[in-house]
Amino acid sequence: MRVVSLVPSLTQTLFDLGLSFDEIVGRTPWCIHPASKVDQVMVVGGTKTPNLGKIRQLKPDLIVMDKEENPLEVYQTLKDEGFEIFVSDVTSPNDVPDMLRGLGAACGRENAGEQLALICEDSITQIVGDGHGLRTIPLIWHKPLMAVSPQRYSGGILSMVGFDVIDTHPEGNGYPKVVIEDFIKHEIELILLTSEPHKFTIEEGEEIVDAIVKAGGKAPLVELIDGEDLTWFGSRTASALARLIEFQSLIGSAN
């Protein structure tokens, strides 16, 4: 089995399914986990701009892609050339177990896929939300300010562990641009600043809070959060849920 992965979180998942770096033959530069193994895998370009020539030369038995992360035209080109492609389509942690089963089957690791799926399902079923989470906007980009809605994986996993993630623009694509007035209009109590794709600083958060107060709003809390726990779906989902539950609990107990 020769696999090219164009999805960082699924590169990690493939290793967790038991594939070796002899089997995972191509990756993106953002496929950084597990560090001790990915360094031995060839980089074939980015998630949006993979080098098709390099992929063809590797002659993979399977190419791993994601519906949101990778361009449709790249998928169509490779599909038309006869490559076998696994495409993930995950918008909620609830989608992860079946995705793990499908990926395990696609790369010949059915049993490992089932085990990871069961672990993920168990983590989800043990979550008990109290329904009283802080009204939250998770910010993923700075200029312009962009957030993520609960209809996308990042917002969905936060909602699952108890944050009240506000969808400021429900008619949009799930990644709304937000302005200072949105924080006031929706009575936001907590701003989460992610570490990816933009690595926010607490100073940037404080500037946003100052602007809210100057515009007549109430100052929300500001917290930094590990962006990988919000975006790296797959084998990481179960452990991310545990960390986020603890994170949510700490914020709740402090307020």
C-alpha atoms as a PDB file:
ATOM      1  CA  MET A   1       0.000   0.000   0.000  1.00  0.00           C
ATOM      2  CA  ARG A   2       1.357   3.383  -1.090  1.00  0.00           C
ATOM      3  CA  VAL A   3      -0.576   6.369   0.236  1.00  0.00           C
ATOM      4  CA  VAL A   4      -0.334  10.094  -0.464  1.00  0.00           C
ATOM      5  CA  SER A   5      -2.099  12.270   2.110  1.00  0.00           C
ATOM      6  CA  LEU A   6      -3.090  15.857   1.361  1.00  0.00           C
ATOM      7  CA  VAL A   7      -4.792  16.321   4.748  1.00  0.00           C
ATOM      8  CA  PRO A   8      -2.555  17.010   7.787  1.00  0.00           C
ATOM      9  CA  SER A   9      -4.917  15.556  10.395  1.00  0.00           C
ATOM     10  CA  LEU A  10      -5.436  12.442   8.306  1.00  0.00           C
ATOM     11  CA  THR A  11      -1.701  11.970   7.829  1.00  0.00           C
ATOM     12  CA  GLN A  12      -1.491  11.656  11.613  1.00  0.00           C
ATOM     13  CA  THR A  13      -4.513   9.357  11.546  1.00  0.00           C
ATOM     14  CA  LEU A  14      -2.910   7.113   8.936  1.00  0.00           C
ATOM     15  CA  PHE A  15       0.108   6.619  11.188  1.00  0.00           C
ATOM     16  CA  ASP A  16      -2.243   5.930  14.105  1.00  0.00           C
ATOM     17  CA  LEU A  17      -3.966   3.312  11.953  1.00  0.00           C
ATOM     18  CA  GLY A  18      -0.631   1.531  11.811  1.00  0.00           C
ATOM     19  CA  LEU A  19       0.782   2.570   8.431  1.00  0.00           C
ATOM     20  CA  SER A  20       4.531   3.106   8.256  1.00  0.00           C
ATOM     21  CA  PHE A  21       6.523   5.820   6.492  1.00  0.00           C
ATOM     22  CA  ASP A  22       7.259   3.216   3.838  1.00  0.00           C
ATOM     23  CA  GLU A  23       3.537   3.121   3.102  1.00  0.00           C
ATOM     24  CA  ILE A  24       2.773   6.828   3.518  1.00  0.00           C
ATOM     25  CA  VAL A  25       4.862   8.108   0.640  1.00  0.00           C
ATOM     26  CA  GLY A  26       3.625  11.687   0.172  1.00  0.00           C
ATOM     27  CA  ARG A  27       2.397  14.529   2.378  1.00  0.00           C
ATOM     28  CA  THR A  28       1.985  18.311   2.612  1.00  0.00           C
ATOM     29  CA  PRO A  29       4.393  20.561   4.539  1.00  0.00           C
ATOM     30  CA  TRP A  30       1.635  21.048   7.115  1.00  0.00           C
ATOM     31  CA  CYS A  31       1.562  17.334   7.887  1.00  0.00           C
ATOM     32  CA  ILE A  32       3.713  17.751  10.999  1.00  0.00           C
ATOM     33  CA  HIS A  33       2.501  14.934  13.266  1.00  0.00           C
ATOM     34  CA  PRO A  34       3.948  12.547  14.283  1.00  0.00           C
ATOM     35  CA  ALA A  35       7.173  14.508  13.883  1.00  0.00           C
ATOM     36  CA  SER A  36       9.464  11.496  14.211  1.00  0.00           C
ATOM     37  CA  LYS A  37       7.810   9.835  11.210  1.00  0.00           C
ATOM     38  CA  VAL A  38       6.585  12.540   8.832  1.00  0.00           C
ATOM     39  CA  ASP A  39      10.100  13.887   8.330  1.00  0.00           C
ATOM     40  CA  GLN A  40      10.816  10.721   6.350  1.00  0.00           C
ATOM     41  CA  VAL A  41       7.882  11.280   3.962  1.00  0.00           C
ATOM     42  CA  MET A  42       8.214  13.288   0.725  1.00  0.00           C
ATOM     43  CA  VAL A  43       6.452  16.657   0.525  1.00  0.00           C
ATOM     44  CA  VAL A  44       4.249  16.867  -2.568  1.00  0.00           C
ATOM     45  CA  GLY A  45       3.009  20.456  -2.214  1.00  0.00           C
ATOM     46  CA  GLY A  46       0.386  22.203  -0.144  1.00  0.00           C
ATOM     47  CA  THR A  47      -3.215  21.324   0.566  1.00  0.00           C
ATOM     48  CA  LYS A  48      -4.449  23.840  -2.002  1.00  0.00           C
ATOM     49  CA  THR A  49      -1.581  23.534  -4.480  1.00  0.00           C
ATOM     50  CA  PRO A  50      -0.272  19.960  -4.543  1.00  0.00           C
ATOM     51  CA  ASN A  51       2.336  19.104  -7.160  1.00  0.00           C
ATOM     52  CA  LEU A  52       0.484  16.665  -9.390  1.00  0.00           C
ATOM     53  CA  GLY A  53       3.695  15.644 -11.122  1.00  0.00           C
ATOM     54  CA  LYS A  54       5.231  14.496  -7.843  1.00  0.00           C
ATOM     55  CA  ILE A  55       2.056  12.629  -6.926  1.00  0.00           C
ATOM     56  CA  ARG A  56       2.023  10.820 -10.272  1.00  0.00           C
ATOM     57  CA  GLN A  57       5.685   9.828  -9.882  1.00  0.00           C
ATOM     58  CA  LEU A  58       4.942   8.247  -6.508  1.00  0.00           C
ATOM     59  CA  LYS A  59       2.300   5.974  -8.115  1.00  0.00           C
ATOM     60  CA  PRO A  60       0.102   5.838  -5.011  1.00  0.00           C
ATOM     61  CA  ASP A  61      -2.496   3.141  -4.470  1.00  0.00           C
ATOM     62  CA  LEU A  62      -4.557   5.665  -2.495  1.00  0.00           C
ATOM     63  CA  ILE A  63      -4.724   9.452  -2.258  1.00  0.00           C
ATOM     64  CA  VAL A  64      -6.325  10.904   0.872  1.00  0.00           C
ATOM     65  CA  MET A  65      -8.176  14.202   0.454  1.00  0.00           C
ATOM     66  CA  ASP A  66     -10.761  16.317   2.259  1.00  0.00           C
ATOM     67  CA  LYS A  67     -13.846  17.903   0.695  1.00  0.00           C
ATOM     68  CA  GLU A  68     -13.253  21.274   2.318  1.00  0.00           C
ATOM     69  CA  GLU A  69      -9.473  21.411   2.492  1.00  0.00           C
ATOM     70  CA  ASN A  70      -8.494  20.304  -1.004  1.00  0.00           C
ATOM     71  CA  PRO A  71      -9.619  21.838  -4.329  1.00  0.00           C
ATOM     72  CA  LEU A  72     -12.321  20.073  -6.324  1.00  0.00           C
ATOM     73  CA  GLU A  73     -10.343  20.483  -9.545  1.00  0.00           C
ATOM     74  CA  VAL A  74      -7.374  18.602  -8.038  1.00  0.00           C
ATOM     75  CA  TYR A  75      -9.675  15.779  -7.004  1.00  0.00           C
ATOM     76  CA  GLN A  76     -11.308  15.651 -10.421  1.00  0.00           C
ATOM     77  CA  THR A  77      -7.998  15.625 -12.286  1.00  0.00           C
ATOM     78  CA  LEU A  78      -6.580  12.781 -10.208  1.00  0.00           C
ATOM     79  CA  LYS A  79      -9.863  10.874 -10.314  1.00  0.00           C
ATOM     80  CA  ASP A  80     -10.019  11.169 -14.103  1.00  0.00           C
ATOM     81  CA  GLU A  81      -6.489   9.757 -14.272  1.00  0.00           C
ATOM     82  CA  GLY A  82      -7.661   6.644 -12.474  1.00  0.00           C
ATOM     83  CA  PHE A  83      -6.251   7.188  -8.983  1.00  0.00           C
ATOM     84  CA  GLU A  84      -8.124   5.720  -6.036  1.00  0.00           C
ATOM     85  CA  ILE A  85      -9.136   8.564  -3.736  1.00  0.00           C
ATOM     86  CA  PHE A  86     -10.563   8.656  -0.219  1.00  0.00           C
ATOM     87  CA  VAL A  87     -12.362  11.937   0.519  1.00  0.00           C
ATOM     88  CA  SER A  88     -13.313  12.915   4.060  1.00  0.00           C
ATOM     89  CA  ASP A  89     -16.345  15.131   4.644  1.00  0.00           C
ATOM     90  CA  VAL A  90     -16.411  16.034   8.319  1.00  0.00           C
ATOM     91  CA  THR A  91     -18.445  18.938   9.682  1.00  0.00           C
ATOM     92  CA  SER A  92     -19.009  17.630  13.225  1.00  0.00           C
ATOM     93  CA  PRO A  93     -17.279  15.298  15.682  1.00  0.00           C
ATOM     94  CA  ASN A  94     -20.262  13.007  15.124  1.00  0.00           C
ATOM     95  CA  ASP A  95     -18.994  12.440  11.571  1.00  0.00           C
ATOM     96  CA  VAL A  96     -15.579  11.236  12.716  1.00  0.00           C
ATOM     97  CA  PRO A  97     -16.266   7.615  13.720  1.00  0.00           C
ATOM     98  CA  ASP A  98     -17.687   6.645  10.330  1.00  0.00           C
ATOM     99  CA  MET A  99     -14.877   8.528   8.611  1.00  0.00           C
ATOM    100  CA  LEU A 100     -12.328   6.539  10.637  1.00  0.00           C
ATOM    101  CA  ARG A 101     -14.001   3.302   9.615  1.00  0.00           C
ATOM    102  CA  GLY A 102     -14.015   4.353   5.981  1.00  0.00           C
ATOM    103  CA  LEU A 103     -10.384   5.440   5.990  1.00  0.00           C
ATOM    104  CA  GLY A 104      -9.339   2.244   7.768  1.00  0.00           C
ATOM    105  CA  ALA A 105     -11.102   0.171   5.130  1.00  0.00           C
ATOM    106  CA  ALA A 106      -9.621   2.223   2.281  1.00  0.00           C
ATOM    107  CA  CYS A 107      -6.041   1.599   3.411  1.00  0.00           C
ATOM    108  CA  GLY A 108      -6.448  -1.994   4.546  1.00  0.00           C
ATOM    109  CA  ARG A 109      -6.623  -1.296   8.265  1.00  0.00           C
ATOM    110  CA  GLU A 110     -10.267  -2.150   8.987  1.00  0.00           C
ATOM    111  CA  ASN A 111      -9.672  -3.411  12.513  1.00  0.00           C
ATOM    112  CA  ALA A 112      -7.576  -0.410  13.499  1.00  0.00           C
ATOM    113  CA  GLY A 113     -10.165   1.908  11.983  1.00  0.00           C
ATOM    114  CA  GLU A 114     -12.904   0.237  13.982  1.00  0.00           C
ATOM    115  CA  GLN A 115     -10.903   0.568  17.204  1.00  0.00           C
ATOM    116  CA  LEU A 116     -10.266   4.282  16.647  1.00  0.00           C
ATOM    117  CA  ALA A 117     -13.936   4.770  15.776  1.00  0.00           C
ATOM    118  CA  LEU A 118     -15.074   3.072  18.990  1.00  0.00           C
ATOM    119  CA  ILE A 119     -12.719   5.221  21.064  1.00  0.00           C
ATOM    120  CA  CYS A 120     -14.119   8.346  19.408  1.00  0.00           C
ATOM    121  CA  GLU A 121     -17.727   7.219  19.890  1.00  0.00           C
ATOM    122  CA  ASP A 122     -17.062   6.485  23.545  1.00  0.00           C
ATOM    123  CA  SER A 123     -15.588   9.961  24.043  1.00  0.00           C
ATOM    124  CA  ILE A 124     -18.645  11.557  22.450  1.00  0.00           C
ATOM    125  CA  THR A 125     -21.211   9.543  24.406  1.00  0.00           C
ATOM    126  CA  GLN A 126     -19.564  10.400  27.731  1.00  0.00           C
ATOM    127  CA  ILE A 127     -19.985  14.141  27.206  1.00  0.00           C
ATOM    128  CA  VAL A 128     -22.652  15.697  29.398  1.00  0.00           C
ATOM    129  CA  GLY A 129     -23.399  19.332  28.536  1.00  0.00           C
ATOM    130  CA  ASP A 130     -25.208  21.605  30.970  1.00  0.00           C
ATOM    131  CA  GLY A 131     -26.569  23.926  28.282  1.00  0.00           C
ATOM    132  CA  HIS A 132     -25.279  27.046  30.035  1.00  0.00           C
ATOM    133  CA  GLY A 133     -22.026  27.738  28.220  1.00  0.00           C
ATOM    134  CA  LEU A 134     -20.723  31.229  27.634  1.00  0.00           C
ATOM    135  CA  ARG A 135     -21.843  32.932  24.435  1.00  0.00           C
ATOM    136  CA  THR A 136     -18.721  32.452  22.354  1.00  0.00           C
ATOM    137  CA  ILE A 137     -17.122  33.551  19.098  1.00  0.00           C
ATOM    138  CA  PRO A 138     -14.032  31.526  18.062  1.00  0.00           C
ATOM    139  CA  LEU A 139     -11.807  33.713  15.896  1.00  0.00           C
ATOM    140  CA  ILE A 140      -9.617  32.045  13.263  1.00  0.00           C
ATOM    141  CA  TRP A 141      -8.268  35.072  11.358  1.00  0.00           C
ATOM    142  CA  HIS A 142      -7.237  38.580  12.319  1.00  0.00           C
ATOM    143  CA  LYS A 143      -7.348  40.982   9.385  1.00  0.00           C
ATOM    144  CA  PRO A 144     -10.159  40.790   8.543  1.00  0.00           C
ATOM    145  CA  LEU A 145     -11.609  39.230  11.661  1.00  0.00           C
ATOM    146  CA  MET A 146     -13.068  35.839  10.775  1.00  0.00           C
ATOM    147  CA  ALA A 147     -14.864  33.342  12.973  1.00  0.00           C
ATOM    148  CA  VAL A 148     -16.118  29.782  12.643  1.00  0.00           C
ATOM    149  CA  SER A 149     -19.760  28.774  13.073  1.00  0.00           C
ATOM    150  CA  PRO A 150     -21.133  25.725  14.929  1.00  0.00           C
ATOM    151  CA  GLN A 151     -21.974  24.214  11.522  1.00  0.00           C
ATOM    152  CA  ARG A 152     -18.271  23.585  10.881  1.00  0.00           C
ATOM    153  CA  TYR A 153     -16.073  21.069  12.684  1.00  0.00           C
ATOM    154  CA  SER A 154     -14.167  23.649  14.747  1.00  0.00           C
ATOM    155  CA  GLY A 155     -17.334  25.284  16.002  1.00  0.00           C
ATOM    156  CA  GLY A 156     -19.082  21.950  16.360  1.00  0.00           C
ATOM    157  CA  ILE A 157     -16.475  20.442  18.668  1.00  0.00           C
ATOM    158  CA  LEU A 158     -16.631  23.556  20.868  1.00  0.00           C
ATOM    159  CA  SER A 159     -20.422  23.342  20.971  1.00  0.00           C
ATOM    160  CA  MET A 160     -20.214  19.661  21.871  1.00  0.00           C
ATOM    161  CA  VAL A 161     -18.120  20.324  24.985  1.00  0.00           C
ATOM    162  CA  GLY A 162     -20.397  23.103  26.240  1.00  0.00           C
ATOM    163  CA  PHE A 163     -19.519  26.401  24.620  1.00  0.00           C
ATOM    164  CA  ASP A 164     -22.478  28.355  23.202  1.00  0.00           C
ATOM    165  CA  VAL A 165     -20.914  29.081  19.806  1.00  0.00           C
ATOM    166  CA  ILE A 166     -22.824  31.901  18.123  1.00  0.00           C
ATOM    167  CA  ASP A 167     -23.460  31.815  14.381  1.00  0.00           C
ATOM    168  CA  THR A 168     -23.294  35.507  13.518  1.00  0.00           C
ATOM    169  CA  HIS A 169     -24.081  34.944   9.836  1.00  0.00           C
ATOM    170  CA  PRO A 170     -26.138  31.726   9.492  1.00  0.00           C
ATOM    171  CA  GLU A 171     -26.740  32.364   5.822  1.00  0.00           C
ATOM    172  CA  GLY A 172     -23.018  32.238   5.042  1.00  0.00           C
ATOM    173  CA  ASN A 173     -20.409  29.544   4.448  1.00  0.00           C
ATOM    174  CA  GLY A 174     -19.637  28.840   8.107  1.00  0.00           C
ATOM    175  CA  TYR A 175     -16.605  31.138   8.232  1.00  0.00           C
ATOM    176  CA  PRO A 176     -18.121  34.599   8.675  1.00  0.00           C
ATOM    177  CA  LYS A 177     -16.283  37.873   8.680  1.00  0.00           C
ATOM    178  CA  VAL A 178     -17.181  39.658  11.896  1.00  0.00           C
ATOM    179  CA  VAL A 179     -17.089  43.299  12.918  1.00  0.00           C
ATOM    180  CA  ILE A 180     -17.094  44.905  16.350  1.00  0.00           C
ATOM    181  CA  GLU A 181     -20.853  45.459  16.174  1.00  0.00           C
ATOM    182  CA  ASP A 182     -21.386  41.676  15.911  1.00  0.00           C
ATOM    183  CA  PHE A 183     -19.848  41.120  19.360  1.00  0.00           C
ATOM    184  CA  ILE A 184     -22.199  43.716  20.829  1.00  0.00           C
ATOM    185  CA  LYS A 185     -25.311  42.621  18.929  1.00  0.00           C
ATOM    186  CA  HIS A 186     -24.918  38.980  19.961  1.00  0.00           C
ATOM    187  CA  GLU A 187     -23.872  39.810  23.548  1.00  0.00           C
ATOM    188  CA  ILE A 188     -20.672  37.802  23.273  1.00  0.00           C
ATOM    189  CA  GLU A 189     -19.236  36.753  26.636  1.00  0.00           C
ATOM    190  CA  LEU A 190     -16.123  34.925  25.429  1.00  0.00           C
ATOM    191  CA  ILE A 191     -13.726  35.354  22.524  1.00  0.00           C
ATOM    192  CA  LEU A 192     -11.545  32.352  21.734  1.00  0.00           C
ATOM    193  CA  LEU A 193      -8.347  33.127  19.844  1.00  0.00           C
ATOM    194  CA  THR A 194      -7.050  30.134  17.897  1.00  0.00           C
ATOM    195  CA  SER A 195      -3.426  29.319  17.129  1.00  0.00           C
ATOM    196  CA  GLU A 196      -4.175  28.383  13.513  1.00  0.00           C
ATOM    197  CA  PRO A 197      -4.600  29.313  10.740  1.00  0.00           C
ATOM    198  CA  HIS A 198      -3.736  32.673  12.353  1.00  0.00           C
ATOM    199  CA  LYS A 199      -1.648  32.470  15.502  1.00  0.00           C
ATOM    200  CA  PHE A 200      -3.393  35.026  17.658  1.00  0.00           C
ATOM    201  CA  THR A 201      -1.703  36.859  20.510  1.00  0.00           C
ATOM    202  CA  ILE A 202      -3.462  37.933  23.681  1.00  0.00           C
ATOM    203  CA  GLU A 203      -2.580  41.518  22.740  1.00  0.00           C
ATOM    204  CA  GLU A 204      -4.639  41.194  19.574  1.00  0.00           C
ATOM    205  CA  GLY A 205      -7.528  39.985  21.694  1.00  0.00           C
ATOM    206  CA  GLU A 206      -7.189  42.900  24.068  1.00  0.00           C
ATOM    207  CA  GLU A 207      -7.326  45.297  21.132  1.00  0.00           C
ATOM    208  CA  ILE A 208     -10.616  43.720  20.027  1.00  0.00           C
ATOM    209  CA  VAL A 209     -12.023  44.034  23.556  1.00  0.00           C
ATOM    210  CA  ASP A 210     -10.980  47.699  23.727  1.00  0.00           C
ATOM    211  CA  ALA A 211     -12.788  48.344  20.455  1.00  0.00           C
ATOM    212  CA  ILE A 212     -15.928  46.620  21.774  1.00  0.00           C
ATOM    213  CA  VAL A 213     -15.929  48.731  24.936  1.00  0.00           C
ATOM    214  CA  LYS A 214     -15.320  51.953  23.007  1.00  0.00           C
ATOM    215  CA  ALA A 215     -18.308  51.092  20.804  1.00  0.00           C
ATOM    216  CA  GLY A 216     -20.527  50.782  23.880  1.00  0.00           C
ATOM    217  CA  GLY A 217     -20.370  47.033  24.461  1.00  0.00           C
ATOM    218  CA  LYS A 218     -19.509  44.952  27.497  1.00  0.00           C
ATOM    219  CA  ALA A 219     -15.997  43.547  27.642  1.00  0.00           C
ATOM    220  CA  PRO A 220     -15.974  39.788  26.907  1.00  0.00           C
ATOM    221  CA  LEU A 221     -13.434  37.356  28.281  1.00  0.00           C
ATOM    222  CA  VAL A 222     -10.545  36.481  25.980  1.00  0.00           C
ATOM    223  CA  GLU A 223      -8.758  33.130  25.925  1.00  0.00           C
ATOM    224  CA  LEU A 224      -6.119  31.557  23.701  1.00  0.00           C
ATOM    225  CA  ILE A 225      -6.895  28.045  22.442  1.00  0.00           C
ATOM    226  CA  ASP A 226      -4.946  25.332  20.617  1.00  0.00           C
ATOM    227  CA  GLY A 227      -6.150  25.467  17.024  1.00  0.00           C
ATOM    228  CA  GLU A 228      -5.052  21.899  16.334  1.00  0.00           C
ATOM    229  CA  ASP A 229      -7.634  20.609  18.818  1.00  0.00           C
ATOM    230  CA  LEU A 230     -10.260  22.470  16.780  1.00  0.00           C
ATOM    231  CA  THR A 231      -9.204  21.431  13.288  1.00  0.00           C
ATOM    232  CA  TRP A 232      -7.294  18.136  13.416  1.00  0.00           C
ATOM    233  CA  PHE A 233     -10.206  15.723  13.127  1.00  0.00           C
ATOM    234  CA  GLY A 234      -9.564  11.998  12.994  1.00  0.00           C
ATOM    235  CA  SER A 235      -7.552   9.975  15.496  1.00  0.00           C
ATOM    236  CA  ARG A 236      -6.951  13.188  17.462  1.00  0.00           C
ATOM    237  CA  THR A 237     -10.671  13.894  18.000  1.00  0.00           C
ATOM    238  CA  ALA A 238     -11.064  11.776  21.146  1.00  0.00           C
ATOM    239  CA  SER A 239      -8.108  13.322  22.975  1.00  0.00           C
ATOM    240  CA  ALA A 240      -9.077  16.807  21.735  1.00  0.00           C
ATOM    241  CA  LEU A 241     -12.533  16.372  23.266  1.00  0.00           C
ATOM    242  CA  ALA A 242     -10.964  15.501  26.630  1.00  0.00           C
ATOM    243  CA  ARG A 243      -8.683  18.555  26.547  1.00  0.00           C
ATOM    244  CA  LEU A 244     -11.502  20.872  25.470  1.00  0.00           C
ATOM    245  CA  ILE A 245     -13.817  19.584  28.191  1.00  0.00           C
ATOM    246  CA  GLU A 246     -11.136  20.405  30.757  1.00  0.00           C
ATOM    247  CA  PHE A 247     -10.541  23.795  29.130  1.00  0.00           C
ATOM    248  CA  GLN A 248     -14.259  24.612  29.188  1.00  0.00           C
ATOM    249  CA  SER A 249     -14.513  23.522  32.805  1.00  0.00           C
ATOM    250  CA  LEU A 250     -11.615  25.742  33.849  1.00  0.00           C
ATOM    251  CA  ILE A 251     -13.153  28.777  32.158  1.00  0.00           C
ATOM    252  CA  GLY A 252     -16.533  28.027  33.691  1.00  0.00           C
ATOM    253  CA  SER A 253     -15.145  27.598  37.212  1.00  0.00           C
ATOM    254  CA  ALA A 254     -13.222  30.864  36.929  1.00  0.00           C
ATOM    255  CA  ASN A 255     -16.424  32.730  36.156  1.00  0.00           C
END
